[in-house]
Amino acid sequence: MCCGDGDKILQPLIDPPEPLKTLLTSQSQDAVEFCKNIWQYKAAFAFTPLGVQLDDRLRHGHRFSPFQIHSEIYHQIGTLEPAPRKPLIYAQHYLYNGEEVTNHCLEWNKQLNADTMRALDAML
């Protein structure tokens, strides 16, 4: 690939690692569910939550839907240590055992596929 009349040469994109590549390209039931809920999967593994006001008028049920943000984008960064008797949230997940964190994320995201969550956690 080139641009700028050949002045800049772009390297070809590398394939994403498995299982992400299959989840993005396959027509399997798991892949369709993943693409339908891709925003929720991203949020489940997020280091910090993204704060936005979404406008859903552009969503038309496509596999990858565009979205429009009103106002501003911000991150809600919390502490690295959970409050007493409070569940782990966002960045706090990265300080604990992967399986424990995945199970916790599934508790907060019951609509997501547990096998997909575990596969993505192993990939990450």
Protein backbone atom coordinates (compact mmCIF):
# COMPACT_ATOMS: atom_id res chain seq x y z
CA MET A 1 0.00 0.00 0.00
CA CYS A 2 1.13 3.51 -0.59
CA CYS A 3 -0.10 7.02 -0.19
CA GLY A 4 1.17 10.49 -0.98
CA ASP A 5 2.00 9.36 -4.55
CA GLY A 6 4.33 6.70 -3.18
CA ASP A 7 6.05 9.04 -0.76
CA LYS A 8 4.77 7.03 2.22
CA ILE A 9 4.71 3.25 2.23
CA LEU A 10 2.29 1.68 4.70
CA GLN A 11 2.99 -1.76 6.08
CA PRO A 12 0.19 -4.28 5.61
CA LEU A 13 -1.95 -4.82 8.68
CA ILE A 14 -1.10 -7.91 10.66
CA ASP A 15 -3.83 -10.38 11.52
CA PRO A 16 -5.15 -10.12 15.06
CA PRO A 17 -4.30 -13.04 17.36
CA GLU A 18 -6.67 -15.95 17.84
CA PRO A 19 -9.38 -16.15 19.04
CA LEU A 20 -9.98 -12.48 18.17
CA LYS A 21 -9.46 -13.03 14.44
CA THR A 22 -12.06 -15.81 14.34
CA LEU A 23 -14.50 -13.79 16.44
CA LEU A 24 -14.18 -10.86 14.02
CA THR A 25 -14.37 -12.83 10.76
CA SER A 26 -16.39 -15.99 11.35
CA GLN A 27 -20.13 -16.37 10.90
CA SER A 28 -20.39 -18.79 13.85
CA GLN A 29 -22.98 -18.16 16.55
CA ASP A 30 -20.23 -17.15 19.04
CA ALA A 31 -18.70 -14.71 16.52
CA VAL A 32 -22.06 -13.11 15.69
CA GLU A 33 -22.80 -12.73 19.42
CA PHE A 34 -19.32 -11.24 19.99
CA CYS A 35 -19.74 -8.66 17.22
CA LYS A 36 -23.24 -7.79 18.42
CA ASN A 37 -21.89 -7.14 21.94
CA ILE A 38 -18.36 -5.98 21.07
CA TRP A 39 -18.80 -2.74 23.02
CA GLN A 40 -19.69 -4.69 26.17
CA TYR A 41 -16.71 -7.04 25.75
CA LYS A 42 -14.42 -4.03 25.38
CA ALA A 43 -15.91 -2.44 28.47
CA ALA A 44 -15.55 -5.67 30.47
CA PHE A 45 -11.77 -5.64 29.85
CA ALA A 46 -11.32 -1.85 30.08
CA PHE A 47 -8.67 -0.34 32.32
CA THR A 48 -10.88 2.70 32.94
CA PRO A 49 -14.52 3.30 32.06
CA LEU A 50 -15.25 5.65 29.20
CA GLY A 51 -17.77 8.31 30.09
CA VAL A 52 -19.88 9.49 27.15
CA GLN A 53 -23.41 10.37 26.20
CA LEU A 54 -24.22 8.09 23.25
CA ASP A 55 -26.72 8.86 20.52
CA ASP A 56 -28.17 5.53 19.31
CA ARG A 57 -29.86 6.98 16.21
CA LEU A 58 -27.04 5.69 13.99
CA ARG A 59 -27.35 2.09 15.21
CA HIS A 60 -29.17 0.02 12.63
CA GLY A 61 -28.36 -3.52 13.78
CA HIS A 62 -25.24 -3.81 11.60
CA ARG A 63 -22.46 -6.08 12.73
CA PHE A 64 -20.24 -3.09 13.49
CA SER A 65 -22.42 -0.08 14.18
CA PRO A 66 -21.13 3.47 14.18
CA PHE A 67 -21.98 5.59 17.18
CA GLN A 68 -22.17 9.28 17.82
CA ILE A 69 -21.05 10.96 21.02
CA HIS A 70 -22.66 14.11 22.37
CA SER A 71 -20.79 16.53 24.56
CA GLU A 72 -17.37 15.28 25.74
CA ILE A 73 -15.40 12.08 26.25
CA TYR A 74 -13.81 11.44 29.61
CA HIS A 75 -12.34 8.58 31.66
CA GLN A 76 -13.53 7.76 35.15
CA ILE A 77 -10.28 6.68 36.79
CA GLY A 78 -10.67 5.12 40.22
CA THR A 79 -8.27 3.81 42.83
CA LEU A 80 -6.03 0.77 42.36
CA GLU A 81 -7.17 -0.71 45.65
CA PRO A 82 -10.82 -1.64 46.12
CA ALA A 83 -12.80 -0.12 48.95
CA PRO A 84 -13.54 -2.50 51.85
CA ARG A 85 -16.29 -5.00 50.98
CA LYS A 86 -16.65 -3.52 47.47
CA PRO A 87 -16.20 -5.49 44.25
CA LEU A 88 -13.21 -5.00 41.97
CA ILE A 89 -13.66 -2.47 39.19
CA TYR A 90 -11.65 -1.64 36.05
CA ALA A 91 -7.91 -1.13 36.75
CA GLN A 92 -8.22 -3.09 40.00
CA HIS A 93 -8.81 -6.23 37.90
CA TYR A 94 -5.25 -6.18 36.63
CA LEU A 95 -3.84 -6.72 40.12
CA TYR A 96 -5.58 -10.06 40.68
CA ASN A 97 -5.68 -13.63 39.32
CA GLY A 98 -7.03 -13.81 35.73
CA GLU A 99 -9.68 -16.48 36.35
CA GLU A 100 -10.95 -14.65 39.43
CA VAL A 101 -11.19 -11.43 37.42
CA THR A 102 -12.91 -13.12 34.48
CA ASN A 103 -15.50 -14.63 36.82
CA HIS A 104 -16.04 -11.21 38.38
CA CYS A 105 -16.44 -9.59 34.95
CA LEU A 106 -19.00 -12.25 34.05
CA GLU A 107 -20.97 -11.43 37.20
CA TRP A 108 -21.22 -7.82 36.03
CA ASN A 109 -21.83 -8.77 32.39
CA LYS A 110 -24.24 -11.70 32.48
CA GLN A 111 -25.27 -11.11 28.86
CA LEU A 112 -21.76 -11.99 27.61
CA ASN A 113 -20.63 -15.48 26.62
CA ALA A 114 -18.47 -17.03 29.38
CA ASP A 115 -16.40 -19.12 26.93
CA THR A 116 -15.68 -16.04 24.79
CA MET A 117 -14.71 -14.04 27.88
CA ARG A 118 -12.31 -16.77 29.03
CA ALA A 119 -10.78 -17.12 25.54
CA LEU A 120 -10.25 -13.35 25.28
CA ASP A 121 -8.78 -13.25 28.79
CA ALA A 122 -6.32 -16.02 27.88
CA MET A 123 -5.38 -14.14 24.68
CA LEU A 124 -4.77 -10.90 26.58
